[in-house]
Protein backbone atom coordinates (compact mmCIF):
# COMPACT_ATOMS: atom_id res chain seq x y z
CA MET A 1 -49.94 21.79 102.03
CA GLY A 2 -50.19 19.04 104.30
CA GLU A 3 -49.34 15.51 103.33
CA GLN A 4 -52.81 14.13 103.82
CA GLU A 5 -54.23 16.79 102.02
CA LEU A 6 -51.90 16.41 99.17
CA GLN A 7 -52.50 12.53 98.86
CA GLU A 8 -55.92 13.53 98.65
CA ILE A 9 -55.82 15.85 95.67
CA GLN A 10 -53.74 13.08 94.09
CA GLY A 11 -56.28 10.49 94.72
CA GLU A 12 -59.31 13.13 93.09
CA LEU A 13 -56.64 13.59 89.91
CA LEU A 14 -56.57 10.02 89.38
CA THR A 15 -60.55 9.67 89.68
CA LEU A 16 -60.60 12.96 87.31
CA ALA A 17 -58.26 10.98 84.97
CA ASP A 18 -60.70 7.60 84.92
CA TYR A 19 -63.51 10.16 84.37
CA LEU A 20 -61.95 11.73 81.56
CA ARG A 21 -60.99 8.69 79.85
CA ASN A 22 -64.39 7.27 79.91
CA GLU A 23 -65.90 10.50 78.45
CA ARG A 24 -63.43 11.12 75.93
CA GLU A 25 -65.84 10.09 73.24
CA ALA A 26 -68.45 12.53 74.60
CA ILE A 27 -65.96 15.24 74.71
CA LEU A 28 -64.49 14.48 71.14
CA LEU A 29 -68.54 14.67 70.22
CA GLU A 30 -69.16 18.15 71.68
CA TRP A 31 -65.71 19.44 70.36
CA HIS A 32 -66.82 18.32 66.86
CA ARG A 33 -70.40 19.80 67.15
CA ALA A 34 -68.52 22.91 68.16
CA VAL A 35 -66.41 23.17 65.12
CA LYS A 36 -69.36 22.79 62.90
CA ARG A 37 -71.25 25.21 64.48
CA ASP A 38 -68.38 27.92 64.06
CA PRO A 39 -68.87 30.00 61.16
CA ASN A 40 -65.24 30.31 60.87
CA LEU A 41 -64.34 26.80 60.74
CA THR A 42 -65.45 25.68 57.04
CA SER A 43 -62.13 23.35 55.87
CA GLY A 44 -63.11 20.48 57.51
CA ASP A 45 -67.01 20.47 56.40
CA SER A 46 -66.33 17.94 53.84
CA LEU A 47 -63.90 15.62 55.72
CA PRO A 48 -65.49 12.45 57.50
CA ARG A 49 -65.18 12.38 61.17
CA ALA A 50 -61.86 10.52 61.79
CA GLU A 51 -59.86 12.77 59.38
CA VAL A 52 -61.38 15.85 61.49
CA TYR A 53 -60.38 14.13 64.55
CA ASP A 54 -56.70 13.67 63.40
CA HIS A 55 -54.67 14.02 66.22
CA ILE A 56 -57.19 15.67 68.97
CA PRO A 57 -57.51 12.15 70.94
CA ALA A 58 -54.00 11.99 71.48
CA LEU A 59 -54.01 15.49 73.04
CA LEU A 60 -56.90 14.09 75.57
CA THR A 61 -54.62 11.14 76.17
CA ALA A 62 -51.74 13.27 77.11
CA PHE A 63 -54.12 15.24 79.55
CA GLU A 64 -55.19 12.41 81.61
CA HIS A 65 -51.39 10.92 81.36
CA SER A 66 -50.60 14.51 83.20
CA LEU A 67 -53.04 14.17 85.55
CA ARG A 68 -51.68 10.57 86.64
CA HIS A 69 -48.26 11.72 86.90
CA ALA A 70 -49.10 14.62 88.79
CA ALA A 71 -51.16 11.98 91.43
CA GLU A 72 -47.47 10.40 91.83
CA PRO A 73 -45.24 11.60 94.47
CA ALA A 74 -42.57 14.03 93.12
CA ALA A 75 -43.68 13.38 89.24
CA PRO A 76 -42.64 16.09 86.95
CA VAL A 77 -45.35 17.71 84.43
CA GLU A 78 -42.89 18.02 81.69
CA PRO A 79 -42.96 14.52 80.37
CA ALA A 80 -46.59 14.86 79.68
CA VAL A 81 -46.41 18.07 78.16
CA ASP A 82 -43.60 16.87 75.65
CA ALA A 83 -45.87 13.75 75.29
CA ALA A 84 -48.28 16.23 73.58
CA ALA A 85 -46.12 18.31 71.64
CA GLN A 86 -45.60 15.37 69.02
CA PRO A 87 -49.43 14.85 68.17
CA ALA A 88 -50.00 18.58 68.27
CA ALA A 89 -47.08 19.32 65.45
CA ALA A 90 -48.56 16.39 63.80
CA HIS A 91 -51.89 18.08 63.69
CA GLY A 92 -50.57 21.40 62.28
CA LEU A 93 -49.33 18.79 59.33
CA GLN A 94 -52.41 17.15 58.69
CA ARG A 95 -54.29 20.61 58.61
CA TRP A 96 -51.97 22.11 56.17
CA GLN A 97 -52.53 19.14 54.30
CA GLN A 98 -55.93 19.38 54.29
CA GLY A 99 -56.09 23.07 53.21
CA TYR A 100 -56.66 24.78 56.51
CA ASP A 101 -55.57 28.34 56.70
CA LEU A 102 -53.72 29.16 60.06
CA ARG A 103 -56.68 31.06 61.79
CA GLU A 104 -58.66 28.12 61.55
CA VAL A 105 -55.91 25.60 62.93
CA THR A 106 -55.56 27.79 66.04
CA ARG A 107 -59.55 28.61 66.45
CA GLU A 108 -60.17 25.11 66.23
CA LEU A 109 -57.72 24.05 69.17
CA GLY A 110 -59.26 27.05 70.95
CA GLN A 111 -62.82 25.37 70.89
CA LEU A 112 -61.03 22.41 71.82
CA ASN A 113 -59.68 24.50 74.94
CA LYS A 114 -63.32 25.64 75.71
CA CYS A 115 -64.91 21.70 75.53
CA VAL A 116 -62.44 20.62 78.15
CA ILE A 117 -62.72 23.50 80.58
CA LEU A 118 -66.53 23.16 80.26
CA GLU A 119 -66.06 19.56 81.23
CA LEU A 120 -63.80 20.21 84.19
CA ASP A 121 -66.67 23.06 85.41
CA ARG A 122 -69.22 20.07 84.69
CA TYR A 123 -67.30 17.41 86.68
CA GLY A 124 -66.78 20.03 89.57
CA LYS A 125 -70.58 20.59 90.12
CA ARG A 126 -71.37 16.68 89.53
CA PHE A 127 -69.17 15.25 92.26
CA ASP A 128 -68.73 17.24 95.30
CA GLY A 129 -65.89 15.11 96.19
CA ILE A 130 -63.28 17.05 94.22
CA SER A 131 -61.66 19.95 96.09
CA ALA A 132 -61.33 23.22 94.58
CA ASP A 133 -57.65 22.89 95.01
CA ALA A 134 -57.62 19.83 92.71
CA LEU A 135 -59.79 21.40 90.09
CA SER A 136 -57.47 24.36 90.03
CA HIS A 137 -54.61 22.13 89.50
CA ALA A 138 -56.17 20.14 86.78
CA ARG A 139 -57.29 23.45 84.94
CA GLU A 140 -53.55 24.64 85.35
CA MET A 141 -52.33 21.49 83.68
CA TRP A 142 -54.46 21.51 80.70
CA THR A 143 -53.87 25.33 80.10
CA THR A 144 -50.30 24.51 79.97
CA LEU A 145 -50.65 21.47 77.88
CA CYS A 146 -52.86 23.13 75.47
CA CYS A 147 -50.65 26.56 74.63
CA THR A 148 -48.26 23.76 74.15
CA ALA A 149 -50.58 22.21 71.44
CA ILE A 150 -51.07 25.47 70.01
CA GLU A 151 -47.52 26.50 69.77
CA GLU A 152 -46.13 23.32 68.07
CA SER A 153 -49.18 23.07 65.93
CA VAL A 154 -49.01 26.78 64.65
CA SER A 155 -45.05 26.52 64.64
CA GLN A 156 -45.33 23.23 62.25
CA TYR A 157 -48.16 24.68 59.90
CA PHE A 158 -45.96 27.88 59.47
CA ALA A 159 -42.85 25.85 58.87
CA LEU A 160 -44.61 24.18 55.94
CA GLN A 161 -46.27 26.98 54.78
CA GLN A 162 -42.83 28.94 54.62
CA ARG A 163 -41.17 25.63 52.77
CA GLU A 164 -44.40 25.91 50.21
CA ALA A 165 -43.67 29.79 49.56
CA ALA A 166 -39.88 29.37 49.10
CA GLY A 167 -40.67 26.26 46.76
CA HIS A 168 -43.30 28.70 44.94
CA VAL A 169 -40.52 31.67 44.96
CA GLU A 170 -37.88 28.81 43.29
CA ASP A 171 -40.61 27.77 40.72
CA LEU A 172 -41.25 31.44 39.87
CA GLU A 173 -37.49 32.15 39.61
CA HIS A 174 -37.23 28.92 37.32
CA ALA A 175 -40.02 30.15 35.01
CA LEU A 176 -38.34 33.63 35.01
CA GLU A 177 -35.19 32.10 33.99
CA HIS A 178 -36.66 29.87 31.45
CA ILE A 179 -38.63 33.36 29.78
CA ARG A 180 -35.59 34.99 29.98
CA GLU A 181 -33.93 32.12 28.07
CA LEU A 182 -36.69 32.21 25.11
CA GLU A 183 -36.76 35.78 25.04
CA GLN A 184 -32.97 35.49 24.49
CA GLU A 185 -33.36 32.78 21.84
CA ARG A 186 -36.39 34.61 20.06
CA GLY A 187 -34.11 37.56 19.83
CA ASP A 188 -31.49 35.69 18.31
CA LEU A 189 -33.71 34.29 15.87
CA TRP A 190 -35.33 37.42 14.67
CA ARG A 191 -31.90 39.15 14.23
CA GLN A 192 -31.00 36.04 12.18
CA ALA A 193 -33.85 37.01 10.18
CA ALA A 194 -33.06 40.57 9.87
CA HIS A 195 -29.44 39.59 8.89
CA ASP A 196 -30.78 37.30 5.96
CA LEU A 197 -33.24 39.81 4.69
CA ARG A 198 -30.55 42.67 4.62
CA GLY A 199 -28.39 40.04 2.68
CA ASN A 200 -30.74 39.40 0.19
CA LEU A 201 -31.74 42.81 -0.16
CA GLY A 202 -28.06 43.82 -0.85
CA VAL A 203 -28.16 41.11 -3.40
CA VAL A 204 -30.69 42.30 -5.27
CA ALA A 205 -29.33 46.19 -5.09
CA ASN A 206 -26.18 45.05 -6.12
CA VAL A 207 -27.63 42.74 -9.50
CA ALA A 208 -30.20 46.22 -10.05
CA VAL A 209 -27.04 48.42 -10.37
CA GLY A 210 -25.50 45.63 -12.48
CA LEU A 211 -28.51 45.76 -15.10
CA SER A 212 -28.50 49.27 -15.15
CA GLY A 213 -25.13 49.55 -16.56
CA HIS A 214 -24.34 49.89 -20.09
CA GLY A 215 -21.88 48.09 -22.31
CA GLN A 216 -22.80 44.55 -20.24
CA ARG A 217 -22.54 41.52 -22.31
CA ASP A 218 -26.04 39.48 -23.00
CA ASP A 219 -24.40 36.66 -21.29
CA SER A 220 -23.70 38.53 -18.12
CA ARG A 221 -27.25 40.21 -17.90
CA GLU A 222 -28.45 36.52 -18.07
CA ASP A 223 -26.44 35.77 -15.13
CA PHE A 224 -27.66 39.19 -13.20
CA VAL A 225 -31.11 37.93 -14.08
CA ARG A 226 -30.93 34.71 -12.51
CA ILE A 227 -29.28 35.88 -9.04
CA LEU A 228 -32.15 38.45 -9.36
CA THR A 229 -34.65 35.65 -9.39
CA ARG A 230 -33.20 33.61 -6.91
CA ASN A 231 -32.78 36.12 -4.57
CA VAL A 232 -36.52 37.62 -4.87
CA THR A 233 -37.84 33.76 -4.47
CA SER A 234 -35.32 33.39 -1.10
CA LEU A 235 -36.81 36.75 -0.06
CA HIS A 236 -40.72 35.66 -0.67
CA HIS A 237 -39.71 32.18 1.17
CA LEU A 238 -38.21 34.14 4.12
CA LEU A 239 -41.12 36.58 4.63
CA ASN A 240 -43.62 33.71 4.56
CA ASP A 241 -41.70 32.09 7.36
CA VAL A 242 -41.19 35.12 9.42
CA THR A 243 -45.14 35.51 9.09
CA SER A 244 -45.57 31.99 9.92
CA LEU A 245 -43.41 31.91 13.12
CA ALA A 246 -44.99 35.38 14.27
CA ARG A 247 -48.26 33.54 13.89
CA LEU A 248 -47.03 30.76 15.86
CA GLN A 249 -45.33 32.75 18.61
CA ALA A 250 -48.54 34.70 18.84
CA GLY A 251 -50.54 31.46 19.47
CA ARG A 252 -52.84 32.42 16.28
CA GLU A 253 -52.57 28.81 15.25
CA LYS A 254 -54.86 26.17 16.04
CA ARG A 255 -54.81 22.60 15.24
CA GLU A 256 -57.29 21.21 13.05
CA ILE A 257 -57.76 17.10 13.64
CA GLU A 258 -59.40 15.07 11.08
CA PRO A 259 -59.04 11.85 9.51
CA ILE A 260 -56.07 12.01 6.65
CA ASP A 261 -54.07 9.74 4.33
CA VAL A 262 -50.65 10.92 4.95
CA THR A 263 -49.47 9.59 1.50
CA THR A 264 -51.89 11.72 -0.26
CA ILE A 265 -50.25 14.76 1.40
CA LEU A 266 -46.40 13.74 1.21
CA GLU A 267 -46.15 12.22 -2.11
CA PRO A 268 -47.65 15.56 -3.95
CA LEU A 269 -45.41 17.25 -1.76
CA ALA A 270 -42.17 15.51 -2.87
CA ASP A 271 -43.01 15.69 -6.17
CA GLY A 272 -43.23 19.68 -5.95
CA ILE A 273 -40.13 19.88 -4.56
CA ARG A 274 -38.09 17.21 -6.54
CA PRO A 275 -37.17 19.60 -9.67
CA LEU A 276 -35.64 22.03 -7.20
CA ALA A 277 -33.69 19.28 -5.93
CA GLU A 278 -32.57 17.94 -9.65
CA GLN A 279 -31.88 21.46 -10.54
CA ARG A 280 -29.01 21.38 -7.88
CA GLY A 281 -27.98 17.80 -8.93
CA LEU A 282 -29.37 15.85 -6.15
CA TYR A 283 -31.70 13.23 -5.73
CA LEU A 284 -35.28 13.29 -3.87
CA ARG A 285 -36.64 9.47 -3.10
CA CYS A 286 -39.61 8.68 -1.32
CA GLU A 287 -40.57 5.37 0.49
CA SER A 288 -43.95 5.05 1.98
CA PRO A 289 -47.08 2.52 2.22
CA ALA A 290 -49.97 3.04 -0.34
CA GLY A 291 -51.96 4.51 2.31
CA LEU A 292 -51.60 5.60 6.09
CA ALA A 293 -54.83 6.40 7.56
CA VAL A 294 -54.66 8.68 10.90
CA ASP A 295 -56.10 11.53 12.74
CA SER A 296 -54.06 14.71 12.42
CA ASP A 297 -53.75 18.22 10.81
CA ALA A 298 -52.89 17.87 6.98
CA VAL A 299 -51.76 21.51 6.61
CA LYS A 300 -49.06 21.22 9.66
CA ILE A 301 -48.03 18.14 8.42
CA ARG A 302 -47.45 19.34 5.05
CA ARG A 303 -45.29 22.37 6.43
CA ILE A 304 -43.14 20.46 8.82
CA ALA A 305 -42.13 18.14 5.90
CA GLN A 306 -41.76 21.36 3.52
CA ASN A 307 -39.85 22.97 5.64
CA LEU A 308 -37.24 19.87 6.63
CA LEU A 309 -37.09 18.95 2.77
CA LEU A 310 -36.15 22.72 1.46
CA ASN A 311 -33.68 22.88 4.37
CA ALA A 312 -32.00 19.65 2.83
CA VAL A 313 -32.17 20.49 -0.41
CA LYS A 314 -30.49 23.94 0.69
CA TYR A 315 -27.43 22.60 2.25
CA THR A 316 -27.07 19.22 0.77
CA ARG A 317 -24.17 19.54 -1.95
CA HIS A 318 -23.65 15.73 -3.31
CA GLY A 319 -25.85 12.96 -2.87
CA GLY A 320 -29.42 13.54 -2.06
CA ILE A 321 -32.59 13.56 0.55
CA SER A 322 -34.69 10.55 1.06
CA MET A 323 -37.99 10.99 2.97
CA THR A 324 -39.97 7.95 4.39
CA TRP A 325 -43.18 7.54 6.46
CA GLY A 326 -45.33 4.71 8.11
CA ASP A 327 -46.18 2.67 11.08
CA SER A 328 -43.67 3.01 14.14
CA GLY A 329 -44.02 -0.62 14.48
CA PRO A 330 -45.72 -3.33 16.97
CA ASN A 331 -43.66 -1.77 19.80
CA ASP A 332 -45.19 1.47 19.28
CA PRO A 333 -48.60 1.17 17.57
CA LYS A 334 -50.04 4.52 18.68
CA ARG A 335 -47.61 6.52 16.65
CA TRP A 336 -46.55 6.76 12.79
CA PHE A 337 -43.13 8.52 11.73
CA LEU A 338 -41.76 10.83 9.39
CA THR A 339 -38.24 10.53 8.48
CA ILE A 340 -36.29 12.67 6.34
CA GLN A 341 -32.51 12.17 5.58
CA ASP A 342 -29.96 14.22 3.77
CA THR A 343 -26.15 13.53 2.63
CA GLY A 344 -25.27 17.10 3.41
CA PRO A 345 -22.69 18.63 5.82
CA GLY A 346 -24.67 18.15 9.30
CA PHE A 347 -24.97 20.00 12.24
CA HIS A 348 -21.56 20.60 13.96
CA THR A 349 -22.20 22.49 17.05
CA LYS A 350 -20.52 22.48 20.06
CA SER A 351 -23.58 21.46 22.43
CA GLY A 352 -23.80 17.95 23.22
CA LYS A 353 -27.43 18.00 22.12
CA PRO A 354 -27.47 18.16 18.72
CA LEU A 355 -30.94 18.86 18.35
CA ALA A 356 -31.56 21.33 21.19
CA ALA A 357 -28.24 23.45 19.74
CA ALA A 358 -30.13 22.83 16.28
CA LEU A 359 -33.27 23.91 17.19
CA ALA A 360 -32.49 26.98 19.42
CA THR A 361 -29.60 28.15 17.89
CA GLY A 362 -30.69 27.68 13.87
CA ALA A 363 -28.38 28.94 11.32
CA ASP A 364 -25.83 29.80 13.85
CA SER A 365 -24.56 26.21 13.40
CA LEU A 366 -24.64 25.61 9.96
CA PRO A 367 -22.59 26.59 6.98
CA PRO A 368 -21.91 30.27 6.58
CA ASN A 369 -24.05 32.13 3.78
CA VAL A 370 -22.72 34.79 1.22
CA HIS A 371 -25.30 37.54 1.22
CA SER A 372 -23.97 39.93 -1.29
CA ILE A 373 -21.65 40.12 -4.33
CA PRO A 374 -19.39 42.62 -5.62
CA ARG A 375 -20.61 45.77 -7.28
CA PRO A 376 -20.39 45.70 -10.87
CA ALA A 377 -17.51 47.38 -12.90
CA PRO A 378 -18.20 50.42 -14.34
CA SER A 379 -19.54 50.25 -17.72
CA GLY A 380 -17.25 49.12 -20.21
CA ALA A 381 -14.79 47.86 -17.91
CA GLY A 382 -14.59 44.57 -19.64
CA GLU A 383 -15.14 41.06 -17.48
CA CYS A 384 -18.59 40.79 -15.58
CA PRO A 385 -17.65 40.75 -11.83
CA VAL A 386 -20.10 37.75 -11.00
CA GLN A 387 -18.91 35.33 -8.89
CA ALA A 388 -17.43 32.20 -10.35
CA ASP A 389 -20.26 29.86 -8.55
CA PRO A 390 -23.12 32.00 -8.21
CA THR A 391 -25.28 28.87 -7.17
CA ARG A 392 -23.61 28.13 -4.22
CA SER A 393 -23.67 31.17 -2.59
CA LEU A 394 -26.79 33.27 -4.16
CA THR A 395 -29.53 30.61 -3.68
CA GLY A 396 -31.25 32.56 -0.72
CA GLU A 397 -29.92 29.91 1.74
CA ALA A 398 -31.16 31.72 4.55
CA GLY A 399 -33.78 31.38 7.46
CA GLU A 400 -32.63 27.93 8.46
CA GLY A 401 -33.45 28.82 12.44
CA ILE A 402 -36.77 30.26 11.33
CA GLY A 403 -37.45 27.00 9.43
CA LEU A 404 -36.35 24.45 12.66
CA SER A 405 -38.20 26.90 14.94
CA ILE A 406 -41.59 26.48 12.93
CA VAL A 407 -40.84 22.82 12.68
CA LYS A 408 -40.18 22.67 16.68
CA ARG A 409 -43.50 24.60 17.31
CA LEU A 410 -45.54 22.79 14.87
CA CYS A 411 -44.47 19.46 16.19
CA GLU A 412 -45.46 20.69 19.78
CA MET A 413 -48.78 21.67 18.70
CA LEU A 414 -49.32 18.17 17.34
CA ASP A 415 -47.96 16.29 20.51
CA ALA A 416 -44.97 15.25 18.23
CA LYS A 417 -41.78 14.14 18.98
CA ILE A 418 -38.51 15.24 17.39
CA GLU A 419 -35.44 12.92 16.84
CA MET A 420 -32.18 14.03 15.05
CA GLN A 421 -29.19 12.32 14.17
CA SER A 422 -26.11 14.39 12.41
CA VAL A 423 -22.83 13.31 11.39
CA LYS A 424 -20.28 16.12 10.26
CA ASP A 425 -20.09 15.88 6.59
CA GLN A 426 -22.01 12.71 6.02
CA GLY A 427 -25.80 13.66 6.65
CA THR A 428 -28.49 14.53 9.15
CA THR A 429 -31.86 12.36 9.69
CA PHE A 430 -34.86 13.70 11.49
CA ARG A 431 -37.33 11.60 12.42
CA ILE A 432 -40.47 12.97 14.14
CA LEU A 433 -43.04 10.37 15.87
CA PHE A 434 -46.66 11.56 15.70
CA PRO A 435 -49.68 10.41 17.49
CA ARG A 436 -52.05 8.46 15.35
CA HIS A 437 -55.26 9.39 17.22
CA TYR A 438 -55.82 12.27 19.62
CA ALA A 439 -58.40 12.43 22.40
CA SER A 440 -61.38 14.39 21.76
């Protein structure tokens, strides 16, 4: 190819670049119409035109620049191709964010390729001044640039898709790990319940043997009857707790929100438990407003308070229990509080998060229970082998883990927050913050 012929081609490419710049909006509009007509391109139907155009105008601009570079002597085409890579990658990112699938991304760029080629053909037919060599050179440059654009756009889209998939896998792994932890906690809890049930049944069996013996003194029989009564009552409470927890875990419980007066619910509850506390030499005090009107589930509020009060009575040896409730104060007007404080042994766990440990492991962090008594001596053996302090070890102090799990799940149902402070050998304070109202 001669020098003069080369200069003519370069001039023709400059003219074509100017033409494409002037026709850019018309080409974009034609491409947009083609995309709208394509039945396989539906993700952009609801997008405004500016978002559909996205980085497509930058690709057309890159093509115009490549034509101008080609019109300069010894100018490489690579810089123009590189200039197309950035908007093409951005196009892939944008389409991924807009919810396109990978096929739509490539098909959309295919429609752009078709529109540009048709425009070059129309230009060749309308203007006799452009030579076949110049037009062929322009098609080759566009093909190179379009291939680069498709490659970069698809690569960016695919990389983001892989990153999203990796994120989903990580989320699934975390979810599975959480499920395994929950199953482990659930298994530990049911094993503890089975252990408590076996212990109480063992006591009942031993007492039954003692009562069936001959030659027992009347006061010994009274001790055995008292022990039997306590353990049967404990079994009754434990079975109720197991049933309640099973219903909660199975999702059979529903919250019933209605206007209630908290004071009329908690004061009678305290009055009912106070004789049990006094029997053990403990006080049970209540400090409350005359009335506290909120929206909540009365049954579940009562069950939460009852579980915490009974646990406090079980494990407190000296002093007593205080229960208070009321408004959370001007800094927290949307919630009300329930506080139950005891002077018991406290939770002494190794965990740095005592509440989490207490609610997760339940009785594992509490003082040990004695679930059996020595078998009675044969008839006529003399002294009754009942322990010197049956009240401490045979009062049915079991199911602490179940009680705390019930409290935790009921609080979750009521969107309540649990706080706990515990000091070894000084006592434990549970503070629960409930919403005053719920969205309908």
